[in-house]
Amino acid sequence: MARSEKPIRRTTKGAGANYRPTKQGAGMTASGVRAYRKANPGSKLQTAVTGKVKAGSKDAKRRKSFCARSAGQMKMFPSAAKDPNSRLRQARRRWKC
C-alpha cells in the first residue's frame, strides 16, 4: 500500500511561508520543510544544500543527485530551461548546479 502524502499550503509570502519566492531561489523554506515533516511523519525531506561542501560528503552526493534530476527536468521543459527566471533555473542556481 502506497503512503499518501498530505499537502501543505503553497505560500510564498509572509513570515510563515512554506516556499521561497522565485527571486529568492525557489524551493522550500526551513519552516516549510518542518511543516511537511509534521504532516507526513517518517519523511526524510531536507532543505537545499547551498553552502560549501566537502567532496564525497553526504551533502555533496545530495547536491549531485538533485542537479542530475533537475537537468532531466530542463530537457523535459525547454521553456523553463530558456527562461532565467523560472523556478527550475532559480532552484538550480540556489543549489549551485
PDB file of N, CA and C in Angstrom:
ATOM      1  N   MET A   1       0.841  -1.180   0.000  1.00  0.00           N
ATOM      2  CA  MET A   1       0.000   0.000   0.000  1.00  0.00           C
ATOM      3  C   MET A   1       0.889   1.248   0.000  1.00  0.00           C
ATOM      4  N   ALA A   2       0.611   2.168  -0.910  1.00  0.00           N
ATOM      5  CA  ALA A   2       1.409   3.386  -1.020  1.00  0.00           C
ATOM      6  C   ALA A   2       1.040   4.361   0.083  1.00  0.00           C
ATOM      7  N   ARG A   3       2.034   5.064   0.585  1.00  0.00           N
ATOM      8  CA  ARG A   3       1.809   6.063   1.621  1.00  0.00           C
ATOM      9  C   ARG A   3       1.213   7.319   0.981  1.00  0.00           C
ATOM     10  N   SER A   4       0.112   7.800   1.521  1.00  0.00           N
ATOM     11  CA  SER A   4      -0.481   9.023   0.978  1.00  0.00           C
ATOM     12  C   SER A   4       0.148  10.220   1.682  1.00  0.00           C
ATOM     13  N   GLU A   5       0.516  11.212   0.900  1.00  0.00           N
ATOM     14  CA  GLU A   5       1.155  12.400   1.441  1.00  0.00           C
ATOM     15  C   GLU A   5       0.126  13.501   1.623  1.00  0.00           C
ATOM     16  N   LYS A   6       0.226  14.206   2.725  1.00  0.00           N
ATOM     17  CA  LYS A   6      -0.659  15.330   2.981  1.00  0.00           C
ATOM     18  C   LYS A   6       0.025  16.593   2.467  1.00  0.00           C
ATOM     19  N   PRO A   7      -0.654  17.361   1.623  1.00  0.00           N
ATOM     20  CA  PRO A   7      -0.039  18.592   1.097  1.00  0.00           C
ATOM     21  C   PRO A   7       0.018  19.684   2.159  1.00  0.00           C
ATOM     22  N   ILE A   8       0.914  20.633   1.947  1.00  0.00           N
ATOM     23  CA  ILE A   8       0.998  21.809   2.814  1.00  0.00           C
ATOM     24  C   ILE A   8       0.657  23.028   1.967  1.00  0.00           C
ATOM     25  N   ARG A   9       0.303  24.137   2.608  1.00  0.00           N
ATOM     26  CA  ARG A   9      -0.056  25.351   1.868  1.00  0.00           C
ATOM     27  C   ARG A   9       1.126  25.860   1.053  1.00  0.00           C
ATOM     28  N   ARG A  10       0.885  26.239  -0.186  1.00  0.00           N
ATOM     29  CA  ARG A  10       1.938  26.728  -1.064  1.00  0.00           C
ATOM     30  C   ARG A  10       2.087  28.244  -0.936  1.00  0.00           C
ATOM     31  N   THR A  11       2.443  28.706   0.249  1.00  0.00           N
ATOM     32  CA  THR A  11       2.591  30.138   0.493  1.00  0.00           C
ATOM     33  C   THR A  11       4.020  30.575   0.210  1.00  0.00           C
ATOM     34  N   THR A  12       4.160  31.747  -0.412  1.00  0.00           N
ATOM     35  CA  THR A  12       5.492  32.291  -0.686  1.00  0.00           C
ATOM     36  C   THR A  12       5.687  33.660  -0.058  1.00  0.00           C
ATOM     37  N   LYS A  13       4.683  34.142   0.662  1.00  0.00           N
ATOM     38  CA  LYS A  13       4.779  35.471   1.270  1.00  0.00           C
ATOM     39  C   LYS A  13       4.549  35.392   2.761  1.00  0.00           C
ATOM     40  N   GLY A  14       5.162  36.302   3.498  1.00  0.00           N
ATOM     41  CA  GLY A  14       4.942  36.401   4.931  1.00  0.00           C
ATOM     42  C   GLY A  14       5.921  35.577   5.743  1.00  0.00           C
ATOM     43  N   ALA A  15       5.774  35.663   7.057  1.00  0.00           N
ATOM     44  CA  ALA A  15       6.703  35.003   7.978  1.00  0.00           C
ATOM     45  C   ALA A  15       6.576  33.488   7.939  1.00  0.00           C
ATOM     46  N   GLY A  16       5.374  32.970   7.712  1.00  0.00           N
ATOM     47  CA  GLY A  16       5.171  31.525   7.723  1.00  0.00           C
ATOM     48  C   GLY A  16       5.197  30.902   6.342  1.00  0.00           C
ATOM     49  N   ALA A  17       5.922  31.505   5.410  1.00  0.00           N
ATOM     50  CA  ALA A  17       5.944  30.996   4.033  1.00  0.00           C
ATOM     51  C   ALA A  17       6.575  29.614   3.982  1.00  0.00           C
ATOM     52  N   ASN A  18       5.927  28.705   3.250  1.00  0.00           N
ATOM     53  CA  ASN A  18       6.447  27.348   3.105  1.00  0.00           C
ATOM     54  C   ASN A  18       7.374  27.215   1.901  1.00  0.00           C
ATOM     55  N   TYR A  19       7.211  28.097   0.938  1.00  0.00           N
ATOM     56  CA  TYR A  19       8.038  28.055  -0.277  1.00  0.00           C
ATOM     57  C   TYR A  19       8.712  29.401  -0.465  1.00  0.00           C
ATOM     58  N   ARG A  20       9.899  29.386  -1.011  1.00  0.00           N
ATOM     59  CA  ARG A  20      10.668  30.586  -1.283  1.00  0.00           C
ATOM     60  C   ARG A  20      10.169  31.211  -2.592  1.00  0.00           C
ATOM     61  N   PRO A  21      10.042  32.535  -2.645  1.00  0.00           N
ATOM     62  CA  PRO A  21       9.682  33.171  -3.918  1.00  0.00           C
ATOM     63  C   PRO A  21      10.770  32.903  -4.966  1.00  0.00           C
ATOM     64  N   THR A  22      10.395  32.981  -6.220  1.00  0.00           N
ATOM     65  CA  THR A  22      11.336  32.686  -7.300  1.00  0.00           C
ATOM     66  C   THR A  22      12.577  33.563  -7.219  1.00  0.00           C
ATOM     67  N   LYS A  23      12.411  34.842  -6.887  1.00  0.00           N
ATOM     68  CA  LYS A  23      13.563  35.748  -6.826  1.00  0.00           C
ATOM     69  C   LYS A  23      14.560  35.377  -5.728  1.00  0.00           C
ATOM     70  N   GLN A  24      14.095  34.607  -4.734  1.00  0.00           N
ATOM     71  CA  GLN A  24      14.986  34.169  -3.659  1.00  0.00           C
ATOM     72  C   GLN A  24      15.480  32.741  -3.876  1.00  0.00           C
ATOM     73  N   GLY A  25      15.298  32.213  -5.067  1.00  0.00           N
ATOM     74  CA  GLY A  25      15.860  30.907  -5.385  1.00  0.00           C
ATOM     75  C   GLY A  25      14.893  29.755  -5.367  1.00  0.00           C
ATOM     76  N   ALA A  26      13.582  30.022  -5.312  1.00  0.00           N
ATOM     77  CA  ALA A  26      12.555  28.968  -5.344  1.00  0.00           C
ATOM     78  C   ALA A  26      12.797  27.943  -4.238  1.00  0.00           C
ATOM     79  N   GLY A  27      12.187  26.779  -4.293  1.00  0.00           N
ATOM     80  CA  GLY A  27      12.384  25.735  -3.292  1.00  0.00           C
ATOM     81  C   GLY A  27      11.654  26.004  -1.985  1.00  0.00           C
ATOM     82  N   MET A  28      11.782  25.071  -1.051  1.00  0.00           N
ATOM     83  CA  MET A  28      11.095  25.164   0.232  1.00  0.00           C
ATOM     84  C   MET A  28      11.942  25.884   1.277  1.00  0.00           C
ATOM     85  N   THR A  29      11.255  26.550   2.193  1.00  0.00           N
ATOM     86  CA  THR A  29      11.941  27.184   3.313  1.00  0.00           C
ATOM     87  C   THR A  29      12.117  26.151   4.428  1.00  0.00           C
ATOM     88  N   ALA A  30      12.910  26.489   5.422  1.00  0.00           N
ATOM     89  CA  ALA A  30      13.108  25.581   6.558  1.00  0.00           C
ATOM     90  C   ALA A  30      11.789  25.349   7.285  1.00  0.00           C
ATOM     91  N   SER A  31      10.976  26.409   7.433  1.00  0.00           N
ATOM     92  CA  SER A  31       9.682  26.241   8.107  1.00  0.00           C
ATOM     93  C   SER A  31       8.742  25.394   7.253  1.00  0.00           C
ATOM     94  N   GLY A  32       8.860  25.496   5.941  1.00  0.00           N
ATOM     95  CA  GLY A  32       8.054  24.667   5.046  1.00  0.00           C
ATOM     96  C   GLY A  32       8.414  23.199   5.170  1.00  0.00           C
ATOM     97  N   VAL A  33       9.700  22.913   5.291  1.00  0.00           N
ATOM     98  CA  VAL A  33      10.155  21.528   5.467  1.00  0.00           C
ATOM     99  C   VAL A  33       9.653  20.987   6.803  1.00  0.00           C
ATOM    100  N   ARG A  34       9.719  21.809   7.854  1.00  0.00           N
ATOM    101  CA  ARG A  34       9.210  21.389   9.165  1.00  0.00           C
ATOM    102  C   ARG A  34       7.714  21.078   9.091  1.00  0.00           C
ATOM    103  N   ALA A  35       6.954  21.945   8.407  1.00  0.00           N
ATOM    104  CA  ALA A  35       5.509  21.739   8.278  1.00  0.00           C
ATOM    105  C   ALA A  35       5.214  20.457   7.509  1.00  0.00           C
ATOM    106  N   TYR A  36       5.965  20.207   6.447  1.00  0.00           N
ATOM    107  CA  TYR A  36       5.769  18.999   5.652  1.00  0.00           C
ATOM    108  C   TYR A  36       6.074  17.746   6.469  1.00  0.00           C
ATOM    109  N   ARG A  37       7.178  17.779   7.209  1.00  0.00           N
ATOM    110  CA  ARG A  37       7.566  16.613   8.010  1.00  0.00           C
ATOM    111  C   ARG A  37       6.579  16.361   9.144  1.00  0.00           C
ATOM    112  N   LYS A  38       5.980  17.434   9.666  1.00  0.00           N
ATOM    113  CA  LYS A  38       4.969  17.288  10.714  1.00  0.00           C
ATOM    114  C   LYS A  38       3.714  16.637  10.138  1.00  0.00           C
ATOM    115  N   ALA A  39       3.333  17.043   8.921  1.00  0.00           N
ATOM    116  CA  ALA A  39       2.138  16.487   8.274  1.00  0.00           C
ATOM    117  C   ALA A  39       2.378  15.074   7.751  1.00  0.00           C
ATOM    118  N   ASN A  40       3.635  14.723   7.484  1.00  0.00           N
ATOM    119  CA  ASN A  40       3.987  13.420   6.919  1.00  0.00           C
ATOM    120  C   ASN A  40       5.065  12.759   7.767  1.00  0.00           C
ATOM    121  N   PRO A  41       4.701  12.147   8.888  1.00  0.00           N
ATOM    122  CA  PRO A  41       5.696  11.521   9.769  1.00  0.00           C
ATOM    123  C   PRO A  41       6.508  10.455   9.017  1.00  0.00           C
ATOM    124  N   GLY A  42       7.799  10.416   9.325  1.00  0.00           N
ATOM    125  CA  GLY A  42       8.681   9.453   8.659  1.00  0.00           C
ATOM    126  C   GLY A  42       9.329  10.009   7.399  1.00  0.00           C
ATOM    127  N   SER A  43       8.939  11.227   7.009  1.00  0.00           N
ATOM    128  CA  SER A  43       9.516  11.847   5.818  1.00  0.00           C
ATOM    129  C   SER A  43      10.978  12.210   6.066  1.00  0.00           C
ATOM    130  N   LYS A  44      11.782  12.131   5.028  1.00  0.00           N
ATOM    131  CA  LYS A  44      13.196  12.480   5.141  1.00  0.00           C
ATOM    132  C   LYS A  44      13.525  13.746   4.354  1.00  0.00           C
ATOM    133  N   LEU A  45      12.514  14.551   4.065  1.00  0.00           N
ATOM    134  CA  LEU A  45      12.705  15.777   3.296  1.00  0.00           C
ATOM    135  C   LEU A  45      13.667  16.722   4.006  1.00  0.00           C
ATOM    136  N   GLN A  46      14.584  17.322   3.250  1.00  0.00           N
ATOM    137  CA  GLN A  46      15.548  18.270   3.795  1.00  0.00           C
ATOM    138  C   GLN A  46      15.581  19.510   2.922  1.00  0.00           C
ATOM    139  N   THR A  47      16.158  20.584   3.452  1.00  0.00           N
ATOM    140  CA  THR A  47      16.286  21.817   2.676  1.00  0.00           C
ATOM    141  C   THR A  47      17.450  21.688   1.694  1.00  0.00           C
ATOM    142  N   ALA A  48      17.582  22.680   0.836  1.00  0.00           N
ATOM    143  CA  ALA A  48      18.608  22.665  -0.202  1.00  0.00           C
ATOM    144  C   ALA A  48      20.017  22.705   0.383  1.00  0.00           C
ATOM    145  N   VAL A  49      20.960  22.115  -0.357  1.00  0.00           N
ATOM    146  CA  VAL A  49      22.378  22.187   0.005  1.00  0.00           C
ATOM    147  C   VAL A  49      22.918  23.425  -0.691  1.00  0.00           C
ATOM    148  N   THR A  50      23.162  24.491   0.079  1.00  0.00           N
ATOM    149  CA  THR A  50      23.537  25.759  -0.545  1.00  0.00           C
ATOM    150  C   THR A  50      24.964  26.184  -0.239  1.00  0.00           C
ATOM    151  N   GLY A  51      25.558  25.663   0.794  1.00  0.00           N
ATOM    152  CA  GLY A  51      26.896  26.101   1.192  1.00  0.00           C
ATOM    153  C   GLY A  51      27.999  25.291   0.544  1.00  0.00           C
ATOM    154  N   LYS A  52      29.228  25.535   0.992  1.00  0.00           N
ATOM    155  CA  LYS A  52      30.367  24.760   0.521  1.00  0.00           C
ATOM    156  C   LYS A  52      30.323  23.384   1.168  1.00  0.00           C
ATOM    157  N   VAL A  53      30.607  22.357   0.384  1.00  0.00           N
ATOM    158  CA  VAL A  53      30.600  21.003   0.923  1.00  0.00           C
ATOM    159  C   VAL A  53      31.894  20.292   0.554  1.00  0.00           C
ATOM    160  N   LYS A  54      32.266  19.359   1.404  1.00  0.00           N
ATOM    161  CA  LYS A  54      33.459  18.559   1.153  1.00  0.00           C
ATOM    162  C   LYS A  54      33.130  17.524   0.074  1.00  0.00           C
ATOM    163  N   ALA A  55      34.011  17.332  -0.885  1.00  0.00           N
ATOM    164  CA  ALA A  55      33.783  16.377  -1.966  1.00  0.00           C
ATOM    165  C   ALA A  55      33.557  14.982  -1.399  1.00  0.00           C
ATOM    166  N   GLY A  56      32.526  14.308  -1.903  1.00  0.00           N
ATOM    167  CA  GLY A  56      32.231  12.953  -1.460  1.00  0.00           C
ATOM    168  C   GLY A  56      31.394  12.867  -0.197  1.00  0.00           C
ATOM    169  N   SER A  57      31.074  14.016   0.417  1.00  0.00           N
ATOM    170  CA  SER A  57      30.259  14.010   1.639  1.00  0.00           C
ATOM    171  C   SER A  57      28.804  13.712   1.286  1.00  0.00           C
ATOM    172  N   LYS A  58      27.990  13.469   2.317  1.00  0.00           N
ATOM    173  CA  LYS A  58      26.572  13.167   2.106  1.00  0.00           C
ATOM    174  C   LYS A  58      25.873  14.335   1.402  1.00  0.00           C
ATOM    175  N   ASP A  59      26.197  15.564   1.819  1.00  0.00           N
ATOM    176  CA  ASP A  59      25.591  16.742   1.184  1.00  0.00           C
ATOM    177  C   ASP A  59      26.032  16.885  -0.268  1.00  0.00           C
ATOM    178  N   ALA A  60      27.292  16.579  -0.545  1.00  0.00           N
ATOM    179  CA  ALA A  60      27.784  16.667  -1.925  1.00  0.00           C
ATOM    180  C   ALA A  60      27.044  15.667  -2.816  1.00  0.00           C
ATOM    181  N   LYS A  61      26.745  14.500  -2.270  1.00  0.00           N
ATOM    182  CA  LYS A  61      26.014  13.487  -3.036  1.00  0.00           C
ATOM    183  C   LYS A  61      24.566  13.911  -3.260  1.00  0.00           C
ATOM    184  N   ARG A  62      23.947  14.555  -2.243  1.00  0.00           N
ATOM    185  CA  ARG A  62      22.583  15.073  -2.407  1.00  0.00           C
ATOM    186  C   ARG A  62      22.544  16.137  -3.494  1.00  0.00           C
ATOM    187  N   ARG A  63      23.546  17.020  -3.485  1.00  0.00           N
ATOM    188  CA  ARG A  63      23.603  18.075  -4.498  1.00  0.00           C
ATOM    189  C   ARG A  63      23.759  17.471  -5.895  1.00  0.00           C
ATOM    190  N   LYS A  64      24.657  16.518  -6.021  1.00  0.00           N
ATOM    191  CA  LYS A  64      24.907  15.886  -7.317  1.00  0.00           C
ATOM    192  C   LYS A  64      23.636  15.207  -7.834  1.00  0.00           C
ATOM    193  N   SER A  65      22.917  14.552  -6.931  1.00  0.00           N
ATOM    194  CA  SER A  65      21.678  13.873  -7.294  1.00  0.00           C
ATOM    195  C   SER A  65      20.614  14.875  -7.730  1.00  0.00           C
ATOM    196  N   PHE A  66      20.453  15.968  -6.965  1.00  0.00           N
ATOM    197  CA  PHE A  66      19.462  16.992  -7.329  1.00  0.00           C
ATOM    198  C   PHE A  66      19.807  17.596  -8.682  1.00  0.00           C
ATOM    199  N   CYS A  67      21.076  17.904  -8.889  1.00  0.00           N
ATOM    200  CA  CYS A  67      21.486  18.527 -10.146  1.00  0.00           C
ATOM    201  C   CYS A  67      21.218  17.602 -11.329  1.00  0.00           C
ATOM    202  N   ALA A  68      21.435  16.313 -11.143  1.00  0.00           N
ATOM    203  CA  ALA A  68      21.174  15.351 -12.218  1.00  0.00           C
ATOM    204  C   ALA A  68      19.674  15.275 -12.510  1.00  0.00           C
ATOM    205  N   ARG A  69      18.858  15.225 -11.456  1.00  0.00           N
ATOM    206  CA  ARG A  69      17.401  15.159 -11.651  1.00  0.00           C
ATOM    207  C   ARG A  69      16.876  16.422 -12.317  1.00  0.00           C
ATOM    208  N   SER A  70      17.349  17.573 -11.855  1.00  0.00           N
ATOM    209  CA  SER A  70      16.841  18.825 -12.406  1.00  0.00           C
ATOM    210  C   SER A  70      17.352  19.055 -13.826  1.00  0.00           C
ATOM    211  N   ALA A  71      18.491  18.471 -14.176  1.00  0.00           N
ATOM    212  CA  ALA A  71      18.973  18.553 -15.565  1.00  0.00           C
ATOM    213  C   ALA A  71      18.002  17.815 -16.480  1.00  0.00           C
ATOM    214  N   GLY A  72      17.441  16.709 -15.997  1.00  0.00           N
ATOM    215  CA  GLY A  72      16.427  15.987 -16.756  1.00  0.00           C
ATOM    216  C   GLY A  72      15.166  16.809 -16.918  1.00  0.00           C
ATOM    217  N   GLN A  73      14.801  17.581 -15.895  1.00  0.00           N
ATOM    218  CA  GLN A  73      13.626  18.453 -15.987  1.00  0.00           C
ATOM    219  C   GLN A  73      13.865  19.547 -17.024  1.00  0.00           C
ATOM    220  N   MET A  74      15.104  20.012 -17.123  1.00  0.00           N
ATOM    221  CA  MET A  74      15.426  21.056 -18.101  1.00  0.00           C
ATOM    222  C   MET A  74      15.199  20.515 -19.525  1.00  0.00           C
ATOM    223  N   LYS A  75      15.467  19.229 -19.731  1.00  0.00           N
ATOM    224  CA  LYS A  75      15.233  18.630 -21.050  1.00  0.00           C
ATOM    225  C   LYS A  75      13.735  18.469 -21.307  1.00  0.00           C
ATOM    226  N   MET A  76      12.995  18.119 -20.247  1.00  0.00           N
ATOM    227  CA  MET A  76      11.553  17.892 -20.408  1.00  0.00           C
ATOM    228  C   MET A  76      10.761  19.197 -20.561  1.00  0.00           C
ATOM    229  N   PHE A  77      11.269  20.281 -19.983  1.00  0.00           N
ATOM    230  CA  PHE A  77      10.571  21.564 -20.028  1.00  0.00           C
ATOM    231  C   PHE A  77      11.484  22.630 -20.635  1.00  0.00           C
ATOM    232  N   PRO A  78      11.656  22.612 -21.963  1.00  0.00           N
ATOM    233  CA  PRO A  78      12.588  23.561 -22.594  1.00  0.00           C
ATOM    234  C   PRO A  78      12.205  25.026 -22.370  1.00  0.00           C
ATOM    235  N   SER A  79      10.911  25.308 -22.199  1.00  0.00           N
ATOM    236  CA  SER A  79      10.520  26.704 -21.972  1.00  0.00           C
ATOM    237  C   SER A  79      11.056  27.190 -20.626  1.00  0.00           C
ATOM    238  N   ALA A  80      11.038  26.332 -19.614  1.00  0.00           N
ATOM    239  CA  ALA A  80      11.590  26.690 -18.302  1.00  0.00           C
ATOM    240  C   ALA A  80      13.111  26.776 -18.367  1.00  0.00           C
ATOM    241  N   ALA A  81      13.719  25.934 -19.184  1.00  0.00           N
ATOM    242  CA  ALA A  81      15.171  25.927 -19.309  1.00  0.00           C
ATOM    243  C   ALA A  81      15.678  27.218 -19.957  1.00  0.00           C
ATOM    244  N   LYS A  82      14.870  27.791 -20.863  1.00  0.00           N
ATOM    245  CA  LYS A  82      15.282  29.014 -21.565  1.00  0.00           C
ATOM    246  C   LYS A  82      15.047  30.272 -20.737  1.00  0.00           C
ATOM    247  N   ASP A  83      14.103  30.204 -19.811  1.00  0.00           N
ATOM    248  CA  ASP A  83      13.748  31.372 -19.005  1.00  0.00           C
ATOM    249  C   ASP A  83      14.643  31.441 -17.762  1.00  0.00           C
ATOM    250  N   PRO A  84      15.524  32.438 -17.651  1.00  0.00           N
ATOM    251  CA  PRO A  84      16.421  32.505 -16.496  1.00  0.00           C
ATOM    252  C   PRO A  84      15.702  32.765 -15.177  1.00  0.00           C
ATOM    253  N   ASN A  85      14.431  33.212 -15.220  1.00  0.00           N
ATOM    254  CA  ASN A  85      13.683  33.486 -14.001  1.00  0.00           C
ATOM    255  C   ASN A  85      12.694  32.389 -13.644  1.00  0.00           C
ATOM    256  N   SER A  86      12.761  31.240 -14.324  1.00  0.00           N
ATOM    257  CA  SER A  86      11.837  30.150 -13.998  1.00  0.00           C
ATOM    258  C   SER A  86      12.222  29.542 -12.650  1.00  0.00           C
ATOM    259  N   ARG A  87      11.262  28.913 -11.982  1.00  0.00           N
ATOM    260  CA  ARG A  87      11.519  28.289 -10.683  1.00  0.00           C
ATOM    261  C   ARG A  87      12.594  27.218 -10.813  1.00  0.00           C
ATOM    262  N   LEU A  88      12.591  26.499 -11.919  1.00  0.00           N
ATOM    263  CA  LEU A  88      13.594  25.451 -12.143  1.00  0.00           C
ATOM    264  C   LEU A  88      15.002  26.038 -12.201  1.00  0.00           C
ATOM    265  N   ARG A  89      15.193  27.076 -12.996  1.00  0.00           N
ATOM    266  CA  ARG A  89      16.520  27.692 -13.137  1.00  0.00           C
ATOM    267  C   ARG A  89      16.970  28.340 -11.835  1.00  0.00           C
ATOM    268  N   GLN A  90      16.033  28.987 -11.129  1.00  0.00           N
ATOM    269  CA  GLN A  90      16.384  29.635  -9.870  1.00  0.00           C
ATOM    270  C   GLN A  90      16.773  28.606  -8.815  1.00  0.00           C
ATOM    271  N   ALA A  91      16.051  27.482  -8.777  1.00  0.00           N
ATOM    272  CA  ALA A  91      16.385  26.426  -7.806  1.00  0.00           C
ATOM    273  C   ALA A  91      17.752  25.832  -8.116  1.00  0.00           C
ATOM    274  N   ARG A  92      18.051  25.617  -9.401  1.00  0.00           N
ATOM    275  CA  ARG A  92      19.363  25.088  -9.787  1.00  0.00           C
ATOM    276  C   ARG A  92      20.472  26.061  -9.397  1.00  0.00           C
ATOM    277  N   ARG A  93      20.214  27.349  -9.536  1.00  0.00           N
ATOM    278  CA  ARG A  93      21.203  28.352  -9.151  1.00  0.00           C
ATOM    279  C   ARG A  93      21.430  28.310  -7.631  1.00  0.00           C
ATOM    280  N   ARG A  94      20.339  28.157  -6.887  1.00  0.00           N
ATOM    281  CA  ARG A  94      20.443  28.108  -5.413  1.00  0.00           C
ATOM    282  C   ARG A  94      21.216  26.884  -4.958  1.00  0.00           C
ATOM    283  N   TRP A  95      21.021  25.755  -5.634  1.00  0.00           N
ATOM    284  CA  TRP A  95      21.732  24.510  -5.284  1.00  0.00           C
ATOM    285  C   TRP A  95      23.165  24.521  -5.825  1.00  0.00           C
ATOM    286  N   LYS A  96      23.530  25.559  -6.604  1.00  0.00           N
ATOM    287  CA  LYS A  96      24.855  25.669  -7.240  1.00  0.00           C
ATOM    288  C   LYS A  96      25.107  24.548  -8.238  1.00  0.00           C
ATOM    289  N   CYS A  97      24.117  24.334  -9.122  1.00  0.00           N
ATOM    290  CA  CYS A  97      24.252  23.326 -10.185  1.00  0.00           C
ATOM    291  C   CYS A  97      24.922  23.943 -11.398  1.00  0.00           C
TER     292      CYS A  97
END
